[in-house]
């Protein structure tokens, strides 16, 4: 495969990786909004059952903890998506440059053989 073909392949692979990351980040964000609204609906329904300040404080603590857990879970998921993307991108770049180095070495060897043949003739 030529150097140009390797670079085109690398460009396609990186585009696919970026597209996947953008799609997953959008999905994660959508899931987060959905969970946020569901949590708010649940706690608003429970608000009618509150009869004293201590119950309100306990529910507020639980609400805050629920939101915190959801946010940390989504951040962790985003981190895993990004980590995977970096690993895949690194593999693609290493593969492309390894193939490029092989192609350049082969071209140099062919040129050296051609020069040797010309000198011998």
C-alpha atoms as a PDB file:
ATOM      1  CA  UNK A   1       0.000   0.000   0.000  1.00  0.00           C
ATOM      2  CA  UNK A   2       1.349   3.421  -0.888  1.00  0.00           C
ATOM      3  CA  UNK A   3       1.986   6.242   1.564  1.00  0.00           C
ATOM      4  CA  UNK A   4      -0.992   8.186   0.183  1.00  0.00           C
ATOM      5  CA  UNK A   5      -3.294   5.173   0.549  1.00  0.00           C
ATOM      6  CA  UNK A   6      -2.096   4.685   4.126  1.00  0.00           C
ATOM      7  CA  UNK A   7      -2.804   8.320   4.947  1.00  0.00           C
ATOM      8  CA  UNK A   8      -6.277   8.102   3.387  1.00  0.00           C
ATOM      9  CA  UNK A   9      -6.991   4.955   5.393  1.00  0.00           C
ATOM     10  CA  UNK A  10      -5.810   6.718   8.546  1.00  0.00           C
ATOM     11  CA  UNK A  11      -8.051   9.690   7.799  1.00  0.00           C
ATOM     12  CA  UNK A  12     -11.079   7.405   7.343  1.00  0.00           C
ATOM     13  CA  UNK A  13     -10.334   5.519  10.562  1.00  0.00           C
ATOM     14  CA  UNK A  14      -9.914   8.718  12.570  1.00  0.00           C
ATOM     15  CA  UNK A  15     -13.149  10.095  11.090  1.00  0.00           C
ATOM     16  CA  UNK A  16     -14.992   6.912  12.096  1.00  0.00           C
ATOM     17  CA  UNK A  17     -13.570   7.103  15.612  1.00  0.00           C
ATOM     18  CA  UNK A  18     -14.580  10.758  15.959  1.00  0.00           C
ATOM     19  CA  UNK A  19     -18.059  10.021  14.616  1.00  0.00           C
ATOM     20  CA  UNK A  20     -18.478   7.198  17.125  1.00  0.00           C
ATOM     21  CA  UNK A  21     -17.314   9.415  19.997  1.00  0.00           C
ATOM     22  CA  UNK A  22     -19.664  12.248  18.995  1.00  0.00           C
ATOM     23  CA  UNK A  23     -22.589   9.823  18.745  1.00  0.00           C
ATOM     24  CA  UNK A  24     -21.848   8.224  22.137  1.00  0.00           C
ATOM     25  CA  UNK A  25     -21.398  11.605  23.836  1.00  0.00           C
ATOM     26  CA  UNK A  26     -24.758  12.716  22.455  1.00  0.00           C
ATOM     27  CA  UNK A  27     -26.393   9.506  23.685  1.00  0.00           C
ATOM     28  CA  UNK A  28     -24.857   9.894  27.134  1.00  0.00           C
ATOM     29  CA  UNK A  29     -26.010  13.517  27.346  1.00  0.00           C
ATOM     30  CA  UNK A  30     -29.527  12.530  26.266  1.00  0.00           C
ATOM     31  CA  UNK A  31     -29.644   9.780  28.857  1.00  0.00           C
ATOM     32  CA  UNK A  32     -28.491  12.276  31.469  1.00  0.00           C
ATOM     33  CA  UNK A  33     -31.258  14.760  30.650  1.00  0.00           C
ATOM     34  CA  UNK A  34     -33.835  11.980  30.694  1.00  0.00           C
ATOM     35  CA  UNK A  35     -32.614  10.738  34.065  1.00  0.00           C
ATOM     36  CA  UNK A  36     -32.545  14.303  35.441  1.00  0.00           C
ATOM     37  CA  UNK A  37     -36.168  14.943  34.470  1.00  0.00           C
ATOM     38  CA  UNK A  38     -37.310  11.569  35.791  1.00  0.00           C
ATOM     39  CA  UNK A  39     -35.543  12.236  39.087  1.00  0.00           C
ATOM     40  CA  UNK A  40     -37.196  15.648  39.364  1.00  0.00           C
ATOM     41  CA  UNK A  41     -40.639  14.170  38.651  1.00  0.00           C
ATOM     42  CA  UNK A  42     -40.137  11.464  41.247  1.00  0.00           C
ATOM     43  CA  UNK A  43     -39.047  13.894  43.941  1.00  0.00           C
ATOM     44  CA  UNK A  44     -41.818  16.370  43.114  1.00  0.00           C
ATOM     45  CA  UNK A  45     -44.376  13.588  43.669  1.00  0.00           C
ATOM     46  CA  UNK A  46     -42.763  12.755  46.981  1.00  0.00           C
ATOM     47  CA  UNK A  47     -42.755  16.430  47.983  1.00  0.00           C
ATOM     48  CA  UNK A  48     -46.503  16.255  48.652  1.00  0.00           C
ATOM     49  CA  UNK A  49     -45.862  13.602  51.313  1.00  0.00           C
ATOM     50  CA  UNK A  50     -43.457  15.788  53.337  1.00  0.00           C
ATOM     51  CA  UNK A  51     -44.965  16.868  56.654  1.00  0.00           C
ATOM     52  CA  UNK A  52     -42.020  18.308  58.571  1.00  0.00           C
ATOM     53  CA  UNK A  53     -38.655  20.021  58.134  1.00  0.00           C
ATOM     54  CA  UNK A  54     -36.595  16.925  58.928  1.00  0.00           C
ATOM     55  CA  UNK A  55     -38.419  14.986  56.192  1.00  0.00           C
ATOM     56  CA  UNK A  56     -37.740  17.823  53.763  1.00  0.00           C
ATOM     57  CA  UNK A  57     -34.050  17.926  54.680  1.00  0.00           C
ATOM     58  CA  UNK A  58     -33.747  14.144  54.304  1.00  0.00           C
ATOM     59  CA  UNK A  59     -35.443  14.232  50.914  1.00  0.00           C
ATOM     60  CA  UNK A  60     -33.212  17.114  49.808  1.00  0.00           C
ATOM     61  CA  UNK A  61     -30.126  15.121  50.845  1.00  0.00           C
ATOM     62  CA  UNK A  62     -31.380  12.085  48.940  1.00  0.00           C
ATOM     63  CA  UNK A  63     -32.168  14.233  45.900  1.00  0.00           C
ATOM     64  CA  UNK A  64     -28.672  15.737  45.909  1.00  0.00           C
ATOM     65  CA  UNK A  65     -27.083  12.300  46.277  1.00  0.00           C
ATOM     66  CA  UNK A  66     -29.159  10.923  43.410  1.00  0.00           C
ATOM     67  CA  UNK A  67     -28.120  13.787  41.129  1.00  0.00           C
ATOM     68  CA  UNK A  68     -24.472  13.461  42.178  1.00  0.00           C
ATOM     69  CA  UNK A  69     -24.450   9.705  41.496  1.00  0.00           C
ATOM     70  CA  UNK A  70     -25.982  10.230  38.067  1.00  0.00           C
ATOM     71  CA  UNK A  71     -23.476  12.907  37.114  1.00  0.00           C
ATOM     72  CA  UNK A  72     -20.462  10.901  38.309  1.00  0.00           C
ATOM     73  CA  UNK A  73     -21.706   7.810  36.463  1.00  0.00           C
ATOM     74  CA  UNK A  74     -22.055   9.761  33.208  1.00  0.00           C
ATOM     75  CA  UNK A  75     -18.652  11.378  33.638  1.00  0.00           C
ATOM     76  CA  UNK A  76     -17.108   7.970  34.172  1.00  0.00           C
ATOM     77  CA  UNK A  77     -18.856   6.638  31.060  1.00  0.00           C
ATOM     78  CA  UNK A  78     -17.628   9.628  29.040  1.00  0.00           C
ATOM     79  CA  UNK A  79     -14.106   9.011  30.300  1.00  0.00           C
ATOM     80  CA  UNK A  80     -14.272   5.379  29.185  1.00  0.00           C
ATOM     81  CA  UNK A  81     -15.511   6.423  25.725  1.00  0.00           C
ATOM     82  CA  UNK A  82     -12.664   8.925  25.395  1.00  0.00           C
ATOM     83  CA  UNK A  83     -10.086   6.438  26.664  1.00  0.00           C
ATOM     84  CA  UNK A  84     -11.223   3.903  24.074  1.00  0.00           C
ATOM     85  CA  UNK A  85     -11.087   6.562  21.337  1.00  0.00           C
ATOM     86  CA  UNK A  86      -7.548   7.562  22.275  1.00  0.00           C
ATOM     87  CA  UNK A  87      -6.430   3.932  22.277  1.00  0.00           C
ATOM     88  CA  UNK A  88      -8.042   3.247  18.885  1.00  0.00           C
ATOM     89  CA  UNK A  89      -6.607   6.468  17.432  1.00  0.00           C
ATOM     90  CA  UNK A  90      -3.148   5.584  18.712  1.00  0.00           C
ATOM     91  CA  UNK A  91      -3.348   2.138  17.144  1.00  0.00           C
ATOM     92  CA  UNK A  92      -4.479   3.621  13.826  1.00  0.00           C
ATOM     93  CA  UNK A  93      -1.668   6.194  13.802  1.00  0.00           C
ATOM     94  CA  UNK A  94       0.974   3.634  14.758  1.00  0.00           C
ATOM     95  CA  UNK A  95      -0.291   1.262  12.069  1.00  0.00           C
ATOM     96  CA  UNK A  96      -0.309   4.002   9.413  1.00  0.00           C
ATOM     97  CA  UNK A  97       3.184   5.205  10.201  1.00  0.00           C
ATOM     98  CA  UNK A  98       4.512   1.672  10.479  1.00  0.00           C
ATOM     99  CA  UNK A  99       3.089   0.911   7.040  1.00  0.00           C
ATOM    100  CA  UNK A 100       4.491   4.210   5.741  1.00  0.00           C
ATOM    101  CA  UNK A 101       7.937   3.346   7.076  1.00  0.00           C
ATOM    102  CA  UNK A 102       7.734  -0.075   5.424  1.00  0.00           C
ATOM    103  CA  UNK A 103       6.668   1.512   2.111  1.00  0.00           C
ATOM    104  CA  UNK A 104       9.476   4.083   2.265  1.00  0.00           C
ATOM    105  CA  UNK A 105      12.027   1.393   3.146  1.00  0.00           C
ATOM    106  CA  UNK A 106      10.857  -0.755   0.223  1.00  0.00           C
ATOM    107  CA  UNK A 107      11.039   2.244  -2.137  1.00  0.00           C
ATOM    108  CA  UNK A 108      14.543   3.074  -0.905  1.00  0.00           C
ATOM    109  CA  UNK A 109      15.626  -0.526  -1.400  1.00  0.00           C
ATOM    110  CA  UNK A 110      14.232  -0.552  -4.949  1.00  0.00           C
ATOM    111  CA  UNK A 111      16.009   2.724  -5.720  1.00  0.00           C
ATOM    112  CA  UNK A 112      19.292   1.371  -4.333  1.00  0.00           C
ATOM    113  CA  UNK A 113      18.947  -1.767  -6.444  1.00  0.00           C
ATOM    114  CA  UNK A 114      18.237   0.360  -9.529  1.00  0.00           C
ATOM    115  CA  UNK A 115      21.323   2.488  -8.847  1.00  0.00           C
ATOM    116  CA  UNK A 116      23.463  -0.637  -8.318  1.00  0.00           C
ATOM    117  CA  UNK A 117      22.156  -2.104 -11.556  1.00  0.00           C
ATOM    118  CA  UNK A 118      22.868   1.139 -13.430  1.00  0.00           C
ATOM    119  CA  UNK A 119      26.391   1.333 -12.009  1.00  0.00           C
ATOM    120  CA  UNK A 120      27.086  -2.319 -12.832  1.00  0.00           C
ATOM    121  CA  UNK A 121      25.955  -1.847 -16.422  1.00  0.00           C
END
